[in-house]
Amino acid sequence: MYQIMILKNLSRTLLSRFNNLYSFSPVIATAHKLYAPIAPEENEEIDFVYVIQLIPFDQGDSPDKKRRDIDKAILDASAIIKEYPPA
């Protein structure tokens, strides 16, 4: 249960800091819980995963610009996660 709380706090921290960094952003960040479609006999430890999704804001941009925006957002999100206090 403690690990779930850490993941919730991490996703909340990531979204908050990401949105502050990208207030007028070409990228939208979302997070949600995804229940894993794994049969119980395969792995009883995994019920769900937390998903952090980065979406280009302007769908009319060229694929190259969307890729550059997403690549930068991935680097920034990774930096925020690395700064998060360890469990």
PDB file of N, CA and C in Angstrom:
ATOM      1  N   MET A   1       0.826  -1.192   0.000  1.00  0.00           N
ATOM      2  CA  MET A   1       0.000   0.000   0.000  1.00  0.00           C
ATOM      3  C   MET A   1       0.870   1.256   0.000  1.00  0.00           C
ATOM      4  N   TYR A   2       2.013   1.196   0.690  1.00  0.00           N
ATOM      5  CA  TYR A   2       2.921   2.337   0.755  1.00  0.00           C
ATOM      6  C   TYR A   2       3.436   2.699  -0.633  1.00  0.00           C
ATOM      7  N   GLN A   3       3.725   1.687  -1.457  1.00  0.00           N
ATOM      8  CA  GLN A   3       4.221   1.942  -2.807  1.00  0.00           C
ATOM      9  C   GLN A   3       3.164   2.625  -3.659  1.00  0.00           C
ATOM     10  N   ILE A   4       1.905   2.272  -3.472  1.00  0.00           N
ATOM     11  CA  ILE A   4       0.827   2.906  -4.221  1.00  0.00           C
ATOM     12  C   ILE A   4       0.750   4.382  -3.864  1.00  0.00           C
ATOM     13  N   MET A   5       0.884   4.691  -2.582  1.00  0.00           N
ATOM     14  CA  MET A   5       0.839   6.079  -2.149  1.00  0.00           C
ATOM     15  C   MET A   5       2.005   6.866  -2.755  1.00  0.00           C
ATOM     16  N   ILE A   6       3.183   6.255  -2.820  1.00  0.00           N
ATOM     17  CA  ILE A   6       4.339   6.911  -3.424  1.00  0.00           C
ATOM     18  C   ILE A   6       4.078   7.185  -4.899  1.00  0.00           C
ATOM     19  N   LEU A   7       3.509   6.217  -5.615  1.00  0.00           N
ATOM     20  CA  LEU A   7       3.210   6.418  -7.037  1.00  0.00           C
ATOM     21  C   LEU A   7       2.174   7.515  -7.245  1.00  0.00           C
ATOM     22  N   LYS A   8       1.161   7.569  -6.399  1.00  0.00           N
ATOM     23  CA  LYS A   8       0.158   8.629  -6.509  1.00  0.00           C
ATOM     24  C   LYS A   8       0.810   9.992  -6.280  1.00  0.00           C
ATOM     25  N   ASN A   9       1.643  10.076  -5.250  1.00  0.00           N
ATOM     26  CA  ASN A   9       2.315  11.343  -4.970  1.00  0.00           C
ATOM     27  C   ASN A   9       3.272  11.725  -6.088  1.00  0.00           C
ATOM     28  N   LEU A  10       3.975  10.752  -6.647  1.00  0.00           N
ATOM     29  CA  LEU A  10       4.881  11.020  -7.749  1.00  0.00           C
ATOM     30  C   LEU A  10       4.119  11.548  -8.956  1.00  0.00           C
ATOM     31  N   SER A  11       3.013  10.898  -9.316  1.00  0.00           N
ATOM     32  CA  SER A  11       2.258  11.364 -10.475  1.00  0.00           C
ATOM     33  C   SER A  11       1.674  12.752 -10.221  1.00  0.00           C
ATOM     34  N   ARG A  12       1.209  13.016  -8.999  1.00  0.00           N
ATOM     35  CA  ARG A  12       0.686  14.342  -8.653  1.00  0.00           C
ATOM     36  C   ARG A  12       1.792  15.391  -8.738  1.00  0.00           C
ATOM     37  N   THR A  13       2.968  15.064  -8.204  1.00  0.00           N
ATOM     38  CA  THR A  13       4.107  15.986  -8.256  1.00  0.00           C
ATOM     39  C   THR A  13       4.537  16.236  -9.694  1.00  0.00           C
ATOM     40  N   LEU A  14       4.624  15.170 -10.459  1.00  0.00           N
ATOM     41  CA  LEU A  14       5.040  15.299 -11.857  1.00  0.00           C
ATOM     42  C   LEU A  14       4.080  16.189 -12.625  1.00  0.00           C
ATOM     43  N   LEU A  15       2.785  15.942 -12.502  1.00  0.00           N
ATOM     44  CA  LEU A  15       1.814  16.748 -13.239  1.00  0.00           C
ATOM     45  C   LEU A  15       1.834  18.204 -12.802  1.00  0.00           C
ATOM     46  N   SER A  16       1.937  18.421 -11.504  1.00  0.00           N
ATOM     47  CA  SER A  16       1.973  19.785 -10.994  1.00  0.00           C
ATOM     48  C   SER A  16       3.199  20.542 -11.501  1.00  0.00           C
ATOM     49  N   ARG A  17       4.365  19.940 -11.362  1.00  0.00           N
ATOM     50  CA  ARG A  17       5.590  20.606 -11.804  1.00  0.00           C
ATOM     51  C   ARG A  17       5.648  20.732 -13.316  1.00  0.00           C
ATOM     52  N   PHE A  18       5.162  19.720 -14.021  1.00  0.00           N
ATOM     53  CA  PHE A  18       5.154  19.755 -15.479  1.00  0.00           C
ATOM     54  C   PHE A  18       4.240  20.872 -15.969  1.00  0.00           C
ATOM     55  N   ASN A  19       3.046  20.986 -15.370  1.00  0.00           N
ATOM     56  CA  ASN A  19       2.115  22.029 -15.787  1.00  0.00           C
ATOM     57  C   ASN A  19       2.632  23.419 -15.451  1.00  0.00           C
ATOM     58  N   ASN A  20       3.361  23.566 -14.348  1.00  0.00           N
ATOM     59  CA  ASN A  20       3.980  24.856 -14.037  1.00  0.00           C
ATOM     60  C   ASN A  20       5.075  25.192 -15.040  1.00  0.00           C
ATOM     61  N   LEU A  21       5.837  24.195 -15.443  1.00  0.00           N
ATOM     62  CA  LEU A  21       6.914  24.390 -16.410  1.00  0.00           C
ATOM     63  C   LEU A  21       6.356  24.692 -17.797  1.00  0.00           C
ATOM     64  N   TYR A  22       5.257  24.033 -18.135  1.00  0.00           N
ATOM     65  CA  TYR A  22       4.654  24.156 -19.459  1.00  0.00           C
ATOM     66  C   TYR A  22       3.280  24.812 -19.364  1.00  0.00           C
ATOM     67  N   SER A  23       3.199  25.999 -18.767  1.00  0.00           N
ATOM     68  CA  SER A  23       1.889  26.618 -18.585  1.00  0.00           C
ATOM     69  C   SER A  23       1.202  26.903 -19.923  1.00  0.00           C
ATOM     70  N   PHE A  24       1.940  27.396 -20.903  1.00  0.00           N
ATOM     71  CA  PHE A  24       1.401  27.557 -22.255  1.00  0.00           C
ATOM     72  C   PHE A  24       2.191  26.611 -23.128  1.00  0.00           C
ATOM     73  N   SER A  25       1.774  25.384 -23.130  1.00  0.00           N
ATOM     74  CA  SER A  25       2.598  24.312 -23.659  1.00  0.00           C
ATOM     75  C   SER A  25       2.080  23.731 -24.959  1.00  0.00           C
ATOM     76  N   PRO A  26       3.016  23.251 -25.791  1.00  0.00           N
ATOM     77  CA  PRO A  26       2.605  22.481 -26.955  1.00  0.00           C
ATOM     78  C   PRO A  26       2.334  21.016 -26.594  1.00  0.00           C
ATOM     79  N   VAL A  27       2.452  20.688 -25.289  1.00  0.00           N
ATOM     80  CA  VAL A  27       2.275  19.300 -24.839  1.00  0.00           C
ATOM     81  C   VAL A  27       1.344  19.285 -23.626  1.00  0.00           C
ATOM     82  N   ILE A  28       0.439  18.316 -23.605  1.00  0.00           N
ATOM     83  CA  ILE A  28      -0.468  18.111 -22.482  1.00  0.00           C
ATOM     84  C   ILE A  28      -0.019  16.846 -21.751  1.00  0.00           C
ATOM     85  N   ALA A  29       0.065  16.932 -20.427  1.00  0.00           N
ATOM     86  CA  ALA A  29       0.436  15.762 -19.622  1.00  0.00           C
ATOM     87  C   ALA A  29      -0.789  15.295 -18.843  1.00  0.00           C
ATOM     88  N   THR A  30      -1.024  13.994 -18.871  1.00  0.00           N
ATOM     89  CA  THR A  30      -2.100  13.404 -18.079  1.00  0.00           C
ATOM     90  C   THR A  30      -1.553  12.169 -17.368  1.00  0.00           C
ATOM     91  N   ALA A  31      -2.233  11.762 -16.324  1.00  0.00           N
ATOM     92  CA  ALA A  31      -1.859  10.534 -15.615  1.00  0.00           C
ATOM     93  C   ALA A  31      -3.132   9.802 -15.242  1.00  0.00           C
ATOM     94  N   HIS A  32      -3.077   8.489 -15.316  1.00  0.00           N
ATOM     95  CA  HIS A  32      -4.226   7.691 -14.917  1.00  0.00           C
ATOM     96  C   HIS A  32      -3.774   6.290 -14.527  1.00  0.00           C
ATOM     97  N   LYS A  33      -4.663   5.608 -13.838  1.00  0.00           N
ATOM     98  CA  LYS A  33      -4.400   4.230 -13.424  1.00  0.00           C
ATOM     99  C   LYS A  33      -4.965   3.308 -14.499  1.00  0.00           C
ATOM    100  N   LEU A  34      -4.157   2.363 -14.957  1.00  0.00           N
ATOM    101  CA  LEU A  34      -4.581   1.401 -15.972  1.00  0.00           C
ATOM    102  C   LEU A  34      -4.547   0.015 -15.349  1.00  0.00           C
ATOM    103  N   TYR A  35      -5.694  -0.621 -15.309  1.00  0.00           N
ATOM    104  CA  TYR A  35      -5.753  -1.969 -14.745  1.00  0.00           C
ATOM    105  C   TYR A  35      -5.167  -2.953 -15.733  1.00  0.00           C
ATOM    106  N   ALA A  36      -4.279  -3.791 -15.245  1.00  0.00           N
ATOM    107  CA  ALA A  36      -3.537  -4.717 -16.100  1.00  0.00           C
ATOM    108  C   ALA A  36      -4.388  -5.942 -16.419  1.00  0.00           C
ATOM    109  N   PRO A  37      -4.528  -6.261 -17.698  1.00  0.00           N
ATOM    110  CA  PRO A  37      -5.295  -7.454 -18.074  1.00  0.00           C
ATOM    111  C   PRO A  37      -4.434  -8.714 -17.997  1.00  0.00           C
ATOM    112  N   ILE A  38      -3.944  -9.001 -16.800  1.00  0.00           N
ATOM    113  CA  ILE A  38      -3.069 -10.158 -16.592  1.00  0.00           C
ATOM    114  C   ILE A  38      -3.854 -11.188 -15.796  1.00  0.00           C
ATOM    115  N   ALA A  39      -3.795 -12.415 -16.258  1.00  0.00           N
ATOM    116  CA  ALA A  39      -4.481 -13.485 -15.529  1.00  0.00           C
ATOM    117  C   ALA A  39      -3.859 -13.633 -14.142  1.00  0.00           C
ATOM    118  N   PRO A  40      -4.661 -13.824 -13.116  1.00  0.00           N
ATOM    119  CA  PRO A  40      -4.135 -13.909 -11.745  1.00  0.00           C
ATOM    120  C   PRO A  40      -3.048 -14.964 -11.558  1.00  0.00           C
ATOM    121  N   GLU A  41      -3.125 -16.059 -12.274  1.00  0.00           N
ATOM    122  CA  GLU A  41      -2.120 -17.106 -12.089  1.00  0.00           C
ATOM    123  C   GLU A  41      -0.759 -16.705 -12.662  1.00  0.00           C
ATOM    124  N   GLU A  42      -0.732 -15.722 -13.580  1.00  0.00           N
ATOM    125  CA  GLU A  42       0.548 -15.301 -14.163  1.00  0.00           C
ATOM    126  C   GLU A  42       1.351 -14.454 -13.178  1.00  0.00           C
ATOM    127  N   ASN A  43       0.699 -13.492 -12.563  1.00  0.00           N
ATOM    128  CA  ASN A  43       1.397 -12.622 -11.627  1.00  0.00           C
ATOM    129  C   ASN A  43       0.371 -11.977 -10.708  1.00  0.00           C
ATOM    130  N   GLU A  44       0.337 -12.415  -9.478  1.00  0.00           N
ATOM    131  CA  GLU A  44      -0.644 -11.886  -8.538  1.00  0.00           C
ATOM    132  C   GLU A  44      -0.233 -10.534  -7.969  1.00  0.00           C
ATOM    133  N   GLU A  45       0.986 -10.113  -8.221  1.00  0.00           N
ATOM    134  CA  GLU A  45       1.488  -8.863  -7.669  1.00  0.00           C
ATOM    135  C   GLU A  45       1.006  -7.641  -8.455  1.00  0.00           C
ATOM    136  N   ILE A  46       0.713  -7.781  -9.735  1.00  0.00           N
ATOM    137  CA  ILE A  46       0.390  -6.631 -10.583  1.00  0.00           C
ATOM    138  C   ILE A  46      -1.111  -6.575 -10.832  1.00  0.00           C
ATOM    139  N   ASP A  47      -1.749  -5.535 -10.305  1.00  0.00           N
ATOM    140  CA  ASP A  47      -3.169  -5.305 -10.561  1.00  0.00           C
ATOM    141  C   ASP A  47      -3.347  -4.162 -11.558  1.00  0.00           C
ATOM    142  N   PHE A  48      -2.450  -3.177 -11.452  1.00  0.00           N
ATOM    143  CA  PHE A  48      -2.579  -1.985 -12.286  1.00  0.00           C
ATOM    144  C   PHE A  48      -1.220  -1.308 -12.409  1.00  0.00           C
ATOM    145  N   VAL A  49      -1.145  -0.367 -13.331  1.00  0.00           N
ATOM    146  CA  VAL A  49       0.043   0.458 -13.499  1.00  0.00           C
ATOM    147  C   VAL A  49      -0.426   1.913 -13.591  1.00  0.00           C
ATOM    148  N   TYR A  50       0.457   2.821 -13.239  1.00  0.00           N
ATOM    149  CA  TYR A  50       0.187   4.241 -13.442  1.00  0.00           C
ATOM    150  C   TYR A  50       0.781   4.640 -14.781  1.00  0.00           C
ATOM    151  N   VAL A  51      -0.006   5.345 -15.574  1.00  0.00           N
ATOM    152  CA  VAL A  51       0.413   5.763 -16.914  1.00  0.00           C
ATOM    153  C   VAL A  51       0.522   7.278 -16.932  1.00  0.00           C
ATOM    154  N   ILE A  52       1.654   7.763 -17.388  1.00  0.00           N
ATOM    155  CA  ILE A  52       1.840   9.190 -17.622  1.00  0.00           C
ATOM    156  C   ILE A  52       1.876   9.359 -19.134  1.00  0.00           C
ATOM    157  N   GLN A  53       0.947  10.146 -19.651  1.00  0.00           N
ATOM    158  CA  GLN A  53       0.791  10.289 -21.093  1.00  0.00           C
ATOM    159  C   GLN A  53       1.099  11.725 -21.493  1.00  0.00           C
ATOM    160  N   LEU A  54       1.926  11.880 -22.512  1.00  0.00           N
ATOM    161  CA  LEU A  54       2.261  13.184 -23.063  1.00  0.00           C
ATOM    162  C   LEU A  54       1.659  13.269 -24.462  1.00  0.00           C
ATOM    163  N   ILE A  55       0.828  14.280 -24.687  1.00  0.00           N
ATOM    164  CA  ILE A  55       0.092  14.412 -25.940  1.00  0.00           C
ATOM    165  C   ILE A  55       0.409  15.764 -26.570  1.00  0.00           C
ATOM    166  N   PRO A  56       0.744  15.790 -27.879  1.00  0.00           N
ATOM    167  CA  PRO A  56       0.944  17.083 -28.535  1.00  0.00           C
ATOM    168  C   PRO A  56      -0.362  17.879 -28.504  1.00  0.00           C
ATOM    169  N   PHE A  57      -0.273  19.159 -28.144  1.00  0.00           N
ATOM    170  CA  PHE A  57      -1.473  19.977 -27.993  1.00  0.00           C
ATOM    171  C   PHE A  57      -2.081  20.337 -29.345  1.00  0.00           C
ATOM    172  N   ASP A  58      -1.263  20.822 -30.259  1.00  0.00           N
ATOM    173  CA  ASP A  58      -1.767  21.274 -31.555  1.00  0.00           C
ATOM    174  C   ASP A  58      -1.637  20.146 -32.574  1.00  0.00           C
ATOM    175  N   GLN A  59      -2.723  19.475 -32.832  1.00  0.00           N
ATOM    176  CA  GLN A  59      -2.701  18.345 -33.762  1.00  0.00           C
ATOM    177  C   GLN A  59      -2.403  18.787 -35.194  1.00  0.00           C
ATOM    178  N   GLY A  60      -2.509  20.081 -35.482  1.00  0.00           N
ATOM    179  CA  GLY A  60      -2.238  20.589 -36.826  1.00  0.00           C
ATOM    180  C   GLY A  60      -0.762  20.832 -37.103  1.00  0.00           C
ATOM    181  N   ASP A  61       0.085  20.746 -36.068  1.00  0.00           N
ATOM    182  CA  ASP A  61       1.526  20.942 -36.273  1.00  0.00           C
ATOM    183  C   ASP A  61       2.104  19.816 -37.125  1.00  0.00           C
ATOM    184  N   SER A  62       3.251  20.088 -37.702  1.00  0.00           N
ATOM    185  CA  SER A  62       3.916  19.061 -38.502  1.00  0.00           C
ATOM    186  C   SER A  62       4.394  17.928 -37.595  1.00  0.00           C
ATOM    187  N   PRO A  63       4.511  16.724 -38.133  1.00  0.00           N
ATOM    188  CA  PRO A  63       4.996  15.601 -37.319  1.00  0.00           C
ATOM    189  C   PRO A  63       6.375  15.865 -36.704  1.00  0.00           C
ATOM    190  N   ASP A  64       7.246  16.572 -37.423  1.00  0.00           N
ATOM    191  CA  ASP A  64       8.577  16.874 -36.883  1.00  0.00           C
ATOM    192  C   ASP A  64       8.485  17.779 -35.657  1.00  0.00           C
ATOM    193  N   LYS A  65       7.630  18.803 -35.718  1.00  0.00           N
ATOM    194  CA  LYS A  65       7.490  19.716 -34.583  1.00  0.00           C
ATOM    195  C   LYS A  65       6.862  18.990 -33.392  1.00  0.00           C
ATOM    196  N   LYS A  66       5.852  18.170 -33.649  1.00  0.00           N
ATOM    197  CA  LYS A  66       5.237  17.407 -32.552  1.00  0.00           C
ATOM    198  C   LYS A  66       6.264  16.482 -31.912  1.00  0.00           C
ATOM    199  N   ARG A  67       7.102  15.842 -32.720  1.00  0.00           N
ATOM    200  CA  ARG A  67       8.134  14.936 -32.195  1.00  0.00           C
ATOM    201  C   ARG A  67       9.138  15.711 -31.349  1.00  0.00           C
ATOM    202  N   ARG A  68       9.571  16.896 -31.809  1.00  0.00           N
ATOM    203  CA  ARG A  68      10.509  17.718 -31.021  1.00  0.00           C
ATOM    204  C   ARG A  68       9.884  18.127 -29.691  1.00  0.00           C
ATOM    205  N   ASP A  69       8.610  18.548 -29.737  1.00  0.00           N
ATOM    206  CA  ASP A  69       7.925  18.956 -28.504  1.00  0.00           C
ATOM    207  C   ASP A  69       7.819  17.795 -27.518  1.00  0.00           C
ATOM    208  N   ILE A  70       7.439  16.634 -28.016  1.00  0.00           N
ATOM    209  CA  ILE A  70       7.301  15.459 -27.150  1.00  0.00           C
ATOM    210  C   ILE A  70       8.667  15.018 -26.615  1.00  0.00           C
ATOM    211  N   ASP A  71       9.693  15.032 -27.454  1.00  0.00           N
ATOM    212  CA  ASP A  71      11.037  14.647 -26.999  1.00  0.00           C
ATOM    213  C   ASP A  71      11.502  15.542 -25.860  1.00  0.00           C
ATOM    214  N   LYS A  72      11.274  16.863 -25.991  1.00  0.00           N
ATOM    215  CA  LYS A  72      11.662  17.798 -24.930  1.00  0.00           C
ATOM    216  C   LYS A  72      10.835  17.537 -23.672  1.00  0.00           C
ATOM    217  N   ALA A  73       9.550  17.272 -23.850  1.00  0.00           N
ATOM    218  CA  ALA A  73       8.683  17.002 -22.702  1.00  0.00           C
ATOM    219  C   ALA A  73       9.110  15.721 -21.978  1.00  0.00           C
ATOM    220  N   ILE A  74       9.532  14.710 -22.730  1.00  0.00           N
ATOM    221  CA  ILE A  74      10.004  13.462 -22.108  1.00  0.00           C
ATOM    222  C   ILE A  74      11.246  13.728 -21.271  1.00  0.00           C
ATOM    223  N   LEU A  75      12.174  14.511 -21.805  1.00  0.00           N
ATOM    224  CA  LEU A  75      13.392  14.842 -21.049  1.00  0.00           C
ATOM    225  C   LEU A  75      13.048  15.617 -19.783  1.00  0.00           C
ATOM    226  N   ASP A  76      12.131  16.587 -19.893  1.00  0.00           N
ATOM    227  CA  ASP A  76      11.743  17.374 -18.720  1.00  0.00           C
ATOM    228  C   ASP A  76      11.017  16.515 -17.690  1.00  0.00           C
ATOM    229  N   ALA A  77      10.127  15.641 -18.141  1.00  0.00           N
ATOM    230  CA  ALA A  77       9.410  14.756 -17.212  1.00  0.00           C
ATOM    231  C   ALA A  77      10.389  13.791 -16.534  1.00  0.00           C
ATOM    232  N   SER A  78      11.355  13.298 -17.285  1.00  0.00           N
ATOM    233  CA  SER A  78      12.369  12.403 -16.706  1.00  0.00           C
ATOM    234  C   SER A  78      13.174  13.117 -15.636  1.00  0.00           C
ATOM    235  N   ALA A  79      13.521  14.369 -15.888  1.00  0.00           N
ATOM    236  CA  ALA A  79      14.281  15.145 -14.901  1.00  0.00           C
ATOM    237  C   ALA A  79      13.465  15.344 -13.627  1.00  0.00           C
ATOM    238  N   ILE A  80      12.164  15.602 -13.763  1.00  0.00           N
ATOM    239  CA  ILE A  80      11.304  15.772 -12.590  1.00  0.00           C
ATOM    240  C   ILE A  80      11.237  14.466 -11.806  1.00  0.00           C
ATOM    241  N   ILE A  81      11.108  13.335 -12.490  1.00  0.00           N
ATOM    242  CA  ILE A  81      11.026  12.038 -11.811  1.00  0.00           C
ATOM    243  C   ILE A  81      12.341  11.730 -11.089  1.00  0.00           C
ATOM    244  N   LYS A  82      13.473  12.040 -11.713  1.00  0.00           N
ATOM    245  CA  LYS A  82      14.771  11.772 -11.069  1.00  0.00           C
ATOM    246  C   LYS A  82      14.967  12.609  -9.821  1.00  0.00           C
ATOM    247  N   GLU A  83      14.382  13.811  -9.766  1.00  0.00           N
ATOM    248  CA  GLU A  83      14.497  14.675  -8.601  1.00  0.00           C
ATOM    249  C   GLU A  83      13.578  14.245  -7.459  1.00  0.00           C
ATOM    250  N   TYR A  84      12.596  13.405  -7.767  1.00  0.00           N
ATOM    251  CA  TYR A  84      11.614  12.996  -6.753  1.00  0.00           C
ATOM    252  C   TYR A  84      12.331  12.193  -5.662  1.00  0.00           C
ATOM    253  N   PRO A  85      11.959  12.404  -4.406  1.00  0.00           N
ATOM    254  CA  PRO A  85      12.610  11.666  -3.309  1.00  0.00           C
ATOM    255  C   PRO A  85      12.440  10.173  -3.476  1.00  0.00           C
ATOM    256  N   PRO A  86      13.495   9.398  -3.249  1.00  0.00           N
ATOM    257  CA  PRO A  86      13.392   7.939  -3.377  1.00  0.00           C
ATOM    258  C   PRO A  86      12.502   7.347  -2.301  1.00  0.00           C
ATOM    259  N   ALA A  87      11.973   6.178  -2.604  1.00  0.00           N
ATOM    260  CA  ALA A  87      11.071   5.497  -1.654  1.00  0.00           C
ATOM    261  C   ALA A  87      11.842   4.908  -0.498  1.00  0.00           C
TER     262      ALA A  87
END
